[in-house]
Amino acid sequence: MLADSHCHLNYPGLVEDQPAVLERARSRGVTAMLNISTRESEWDAVVATAEREPDVWATIGIHPNEADNHGLVDAATLVDRAKHPRIVGLGETGLDYYRETSDRGRQQASFRAHIDAARQTGLPIVVHTRDAEDDTAAILTEEMGKGAYSGVIHCFTASGEFADKMLDLGLFISLSGIVTFKNARDLQAVAARLPIERLLIETDAPFLAPVPNRGKTGEPGFVADTAKFLAELRGETLESLTRRTAENFHALFSKTKDEASA
């Protein structure tokens, strides 16, 4: 069992050969893939892939870098679209102060709208944070005080202190191929101590291909390489780590279990 908790199957680099990409993933033991959207114009295509492929599910959301272009996408819009049976999460959402392509205030408002929708639907949020640890933690904490919700910090590269804050909030942490890079020593130290019951693995394909595929177009099948690295880093068997992270995926994105049993 392997779950890729975050990939972009409809992005250039994967969409042109999507059936073969999926078959290669399955041949490496991947049994679940979450196809993430970043802008409203992607929603239909991302959902269509999930409708067609029984081991692929979808999210709907607005990436923080797209916040300026999606002022009309509010919590009500997200709640309405999330009724679709193959939509199992909201996002990716969050804050990105690295590229600064969207106003910080609009990013924060969009982020809160996704959290509001998560509370209303019971679906988890998929959180992107880059160069915005303090504000991300502050918003997640403040919003948790208004009512519980679930979620995952995707492609985690932040500090150990931030990781601990997220764990205290009950959130999951997902590690990408970055953890396999030689210069990722600080991240590896955090990855080695994360509680297994809160750990997910992702590719963020077509980005961030792990060693030994670094430099190639990322694919969901490469989640197997990241899993192998993490098992060795953490001193766990590969079988145990892949099983637990897949179980965590289905526990967090619980709608996937509902669909599988339907």
Protein backbone atom coordinates (compact mmCIF):
# COMPACT_ATOMS: atom_id res chain seq x y z
CA MET A 1 0.00 0.00 0.00
CA LEU A 2 1.30 3.40 -1.01
CA ALA A 3 -0.63 6.67 -1.06
CA ASP A 4 0.54 9.78 -2.89
CA SER A 5 -1.23 12.41 -0.83
CA HIS A 6 -0.49 15.29 -3.21
CA CYS A 7 0.06 15.31 -6.96
CA HIS A 8 -1.03 17.35 -9.98
CA LEU A 9 -2.03 14.80 -12.61
CA ASN A 10 -3.53 17.46 -14.87
CA TYR A 11 -0.41 19.61 -15.02
CA PRO A 12 1.83 19.76 -18.11
CA GLY A 13 4.39 17.00 -17.89
CA LEU A 14 1.85 14.44 -16.66
CA VAL A 15 -1.46 15.14 -18.37
CA GLU A 16 -0.10 14.43 -21.86
CA ASP A 17 0.63 10.81 -20.89
CA GLN A 18 -1.68 10.45 -17.91
CA PRO A 19 -2.76 6.80 -18.46
CA ALA A 20 0.87 5.63 -18.64
CA VAL A 21 1.80 7.75 -15.61
CA LEU A 22 -0.96 6.09 -13.61
CA GLU A 23 0.02 2.60 -14.71
CA ARG A 24 3.63 3.20 -13.73
CA ALA A 25 2.46 4.34 -10.30
CA ARG A 26 0.29 1.25 -9.86
CA SER A 27 3.17 -0.99 -10.91
CA ARG A 28 5.16 0.40 -7.96
CA GLY A 29 2.39 -0.31 -5.46
CA VAL A 30 0.60 3.03 -5.37
CA THR A 31 -3.03 2.36 -4.48
CA ALA A 32 -4.27 5.93 -3.89
CA MET A 33 -3.48 9.32 -5.42
CA LEU A 34 -4.89 12.71 -4.50
CA ASN A 35 -5.14 15.04 -7.50
CA ILE A 36 -4.79 18.60 -6.24
CA SER A 37 -6.23 21.75 -7.81
CA THR A 38 -4.77 25.24 -7.48
CA ARG A 39 -7.25 27.42 -9.40
CA GLU A 40 -10.94 27.30 -10.27
CA SER A 41 -10.29 26.71 -13.97
CA GLU A 42 -8.72 23.33 -13.06
CA TRP A 43 -11.59 21.99 -10.98
CA ASP A 44 -13.55 20.28 -13.75
CA ALA A 45 -10.52 18.52 -15.23
CA VAL A 46 -9.18 17.40 -11.85
CA VAL A 47 -12.57 15.99 -10.87
CA ALA A 48 -12.98 14.32 -14.27
CA THR A 49 -9.74 12.41 -13.75
CA ALA A 50 -10.98 11.26 -10.35
CA GLU A 51 -14.31 10.19 -11.86
CA ARG A 52 -12.49 8.12 -14.46
CA GLU A 53 -9.85 6.50 -12.22
CA PRO A 54 -11.03 4.57 -9.13
CA ASP A 55 -7.73 5.06 -7.25
CA VAL A 56 -7.60 8.83 -7.84
CA TRP A 57 -9.48 11.43 -5.79
CA ALA A 58 -9.66 15.22 -6.11
CA THR A 59 -9.53 18.44 -4.17
CA ILE A 60 -10.88 21.85 -5.06
CA GLY A 61 -9.17 24.99 -3.91
CA ILE A 62 -7.27 28.16 -4.66
CA HIS A 63 -3.49 28.32 -4.24
CA PRO A 64 -2.36 31.41 -2.32
CA ASN A 65 -0.49 32.64 -5.39
CA GLU A 66 -3.86 32.67 -7.20
CA ALA A 67 -5.78 34.56 -4.50
CA ASP A 68 -5.82 37.87 -6.38
CA ASN A 69 -7.53 36.19 -9.34
CA HIS A 70 -10.25 34.43 -7.33
CA GLY A 71 -11.94 37.07 -5.22
CA LEU A 72 -15.36 35.51 -5.84
CA VAL A 73 -14.42 32.04 -4.60
CA ASP A 74 -15.73 32.05 -1.05
CA ALA A 75 -16.61 29.39 1.52
CA ALA A 76 -20.10 28.97 0.06
CA THR A 77 -18.68 28.24 -3.39
CA LEU A 78 -16.31 25.65 -1.98
CA VAL A 79 -19.01 24.01 0.12
CA ASP A 80 -21.33 23.71 -2.86
CA ARG A 81 -18.72 22.19 -5.18
CA ALA A 82 -17.38 19.85 -2.48
CA LYS A 83 -20.64 17.88 -2.54
CA HIS A 84 -19.24 15.85 -5.42
CA PRO A 85 -18.44 12.31 -4.22
CA ARG A 86 -14.90 12.29 -5.65
CA ILE A 87 -13.90 15.57 -3.97
CA VAL A 88 -12.33 14.58 -0.66
CA GLY A 89 -10.45 17.71 0.44
CA LEU A 90 -10.12 21.47 0.08
CA GLY A 91 -7.02 23.18 -1.28
CA GLU A 92 -4.36 23.64 -1.76
CA THR A 93 -4.73 26.80 0.24
CA GLY A 94 -2.50 28.68 2.65
CA LEU A 95 0.08 31.45 2.48
CA ASP A 96 3.03 32.06 0.15
CA TYR A 97 5.16 35.10 0.95
CA TYR A 98 8.05 33.90 -1.24
CA ARG A 99 6.67 34.75 -4.68
CA GLU A 100 4.35 37.57 -3.53
CA THR A 101 2.14 37.18 -6.60
CA SER A 102 -0.98 37.85 -4.52
CA ASP A 103 -1.71 40.42 -1.85
CA ARG A 104 -1.09 39.01 1.62
CA GLY A 105 -4.47 40.16 2.87
CA ARG A 106 -6.25 38.39 0.01
CA GLN A 107 -4.21 35.24 0.66
CA GLN A 108 -5.23 35.30 4.30
CA ALA A 109 -8.91 35.87 3.47
CA SER A 110 -8.87 32.97 0.99
CA PHE A 111 -7.13 30.76 3.54
CA ARG A 112 -9.80 31.49 6.14
CA ALA A 113 -12.57 30.82 3.60
CA HIS A 114 -11.13 27.35 2.95
CA ILE A 115 -10.99 26.66 6.69
CA ASP A 116 -14.59 27.83 7.06
CA ALA A 117 -15.60 25.46 4.26
CA ALA A 118 -13.67 22.66 5.93
CA ARG A 119 -15.65 23.13 9.14
CA GLN A 120 -18.94 23.13 7.22
CA THR A 121 -18.18 20.07 5.10
CA GLY A 122 -15.99 18.03 7.43
CA LEU A 123 -13.37 17.78 4.66
CA PRO A 124 -9.69 18.38 5.46
CA ILE A 125 -7.70 21.32 4.14
CA VAL A 126 -4.43 20.91 2.23
CA VAL A 127 -2.11 23.69 3.43
CA HIS A 128 0.70 25.30 1.45
CA THR A 129 3.04 27.53 3.43
CA ARG A 130 6.23 29.16 2.21
CA ASP A 131 8.15 31.89 4.02
CA ALA A 132 5.01 32.43 6.11
CA GLU A 133 5.37 30.21 9.18
CA ASP A 134 4.25 32.75 11.76
CA ASP A 135 1.13 33.92 9.95
CA THR A 136 0.21 30.37 8.90
CA ALA A 137 0.46 29.14 12.48
CA ALA A 138 -1.44 32.15 13.81
CA ILE A 139 -4.35 31.72 11.39
CA LEU A 140 -4.58 27.96 11.87
CA THR A 141 -4.55 28.38 15.65
CA GLU A 142 -7.08 31.22 15.69
CA GLU A 143 -9.42 29.36 13.33
CA MET A 144 -9.16 26.18 15.38
CA GLY A 145 -10.44 28.21 18.30
CA LYS A 146 -13.60 28.95 16.31
CA GLY A 147 -14.31 25.28 15.72
CA ALA A 148 -12.40 22.11 14.93
CA TYR A 149 -11.30 21.13 11.44
CA SER A 150 -8.72 18.72 10.03
CA GLY A 151 -5.91 19.10 7.54
CA VAL A 152 -2.37 18.47 6.38
CA ILE A 153 0.68 20.64 5.91
CA HIS A 154 1.73 19.60 2.43
CA CYS A 155 5.33 19.41 1.21
CA PHE A 156 6.63 20.17 4.69
CA THR A 157 9.94 22.07 4.73
CA ALA A 158 9.44 24.31 7.75
CA SER A 159 11.08 24.32 11.17
CA GLY A 160 10.77 21.73 13.90
CA GLU A 161 9.01 24.33 16.04
CA PHE A 162 6.38 24.82 13.34
CA ALA A 163 5.96 21.06 13.03
CA ASP A 164 5.29 20.80 16.75
CA LYS A 165 2.68 23.56 16.57
CA MET A 166 0.91 21.75 13.74
CA LEU A 167 0.95 18.47 15.61
CA ASP A 168 -0.48 20.22 18.67
CA LEU A 169 -3.36 21.41 16.49
CA GLY A 170 -4.03 17.84 15.41
CA LEU A 171 -2.88 18.34 11.82
CA PHE A 172 -0.97 15.86 9.66
CA ILE A 173 2.39 16.52 8.02
CA SER A 174 3.23 15.35 4.51
CA LEU A 175 6.80 14.88 3.28
CA SER A 176 7.82 15.19 -0.35
CA GLY A 177 10.90 14.17 -2.31
CA ILE A 178 12.73 17.17 -0.83
CA VAL A 179 13.46 15.06 2.24
CA THR A 180 15.73 12.84 0.11
CA PHE A 181 17.95 15.74 -1.02
CA LYS A 182 21.48 15.85 0.39
CA ASN A 183 21.10 19.46 1.55
CA ALA A 184 17.91 18.73 3.52
CA ARG A 185 19.59 17.80 6.80
CA ASP A 186 17.36 19.95 9.00
CA LEU A 187 14.24 18.56 7.36
CA GLN A 188 15.54 15.02 7.74
CA ALA A 189 16.04 15.61 11.46
CA VAL A 190 12.39 16.65 11.80
CA ALA A 191 11.19 13.80 9.57
CA ALA A 192 12.99 11.25 11.73
CA ARG A 193 10.97 12.20 14.82
CA LEU A 194 7.50 12.86 13.43
CA PRO A 195 4.90 10.54 14.98
CA ILE A 196 4.01 7.85 12.49
CA GLU A 197 0.29 8.32 13.15
CA ARG A 198 0.47 11.86 11.69
CA LEU A 199 2.75 11.20 8.72
CA LEU A 200 1.82 11.29 5.03
CA ILE A 201 3.98 11.01 1.90
CA GLU A 202 3.57 12.88 -1.37
CA THR A 203 5.29 13.62 -4.65
CA ASP A 204 3.88 17.05 -5.58
CA ALA A 205 4.35 15.66 -9.11
CA PRO A 206 5.33 16.87 -11.65
CA PHE A 207 7.64 18.73 -9.26
CA LEU A 208 10.28 17.71 -6.71
CA ALA A 209 11.29 14.28 -7.97
CA PRO A 210 13.17 12.48 -5.18
CA VAL A 211 16.60 10.90 -5.33
CA PRO A 212 17.38 8.81 -7.43
CA ASN A 213 15.09 10.58 -9.92
CA ARG A 214 16.05 14.16 -9.09
CA GLY A 215 15.97 16.35 -12.16
CA LYS A 216 13.29 14.28 -13.88
CA THR A 217 9.62 15.11 -14.21
CA GLY A 218 8.04 13.94 -10.98
CA GLU A 219 5.46 11.13 -11.07
CA PRO A 220 3.21 9.58 -8.41
CA GLY A 221 5.19 6.34 -8.70
CA PHE A 222 8.19 8.12 -7.23
CA VAL A 223 6.44 8.16 -3.85
CA ALA A 224 7.95 4.68 -3.48
CA ASP A 225 11.45 6.17 -3.50
CA THR A 226 10.59 8.72 -0.83
CA ALA A 227 8.99 5.99 1.27
CA LYS A 228 12.13 3.84 1.02
CA PHE A 229 14.31 6.76 2.11
CA LEU A 230 12.04 7.60 5.03
CA ALA A 231 11.89 4.02 6.26
CA GLU A 232 15.68 3.88 6.39
CA LEU A 233 15.90 7.34 7.99
CA ARG A 234 13.40 6.43 10.70
CA GLY A 235 14.64 2.89 11.28
CA GLU A 236 11.34 1.33 10.27
CA THR A 237 10.51 -1.43 7.83
CA LEU A 238 9.34 -0.26 4.44
CA GLU A 239 6.22 -2.42 4.76
CA SER A 240 5.26 -0.81 8.07
CA LEU A 241 5.87 2.75 6.90
CA THR A 242 3.96 2.38 3.65
CA ARG A 243 1.04 0.67 5.37
CA ARG A 244 0.77 3.25 8.15
CA THR A 245 1.05 6.28 5.85
CA ALA A 246 -1.58 4.81 3.52
CA GLU A 247 -3.85 4.19 6.51
CA ASN A 248 -3.25 7.77 7.63
CA PHE A 249 -4.19 9.03 4.17
CA HIS A 250 -7.54 7.24 4.25
CA ALA A 251 -8.14 8.28 7.85
CA LEU A 252 -7.60 11.98 7.08
CA PHE A 253 -9.34 11.94 3.72
CA SER A 254 -12.11 9.78 5.14
CA LYS A 255 -14.38 10.30 2.16
CA THR A 256 -12.03 7.97 0.24
CA LYS A 257 -13.10 5.16 2.56
CA ASP A 258 -16.76 6.00 2.02
CA GLU A 259 -16.30 5.82 -1.74
CA ALA A 260 -14.36 2.56 -1.57
CA SER A 261 -17.12 0.89 0.41
CA ALA A 262 -19.97 2.34 -1.65
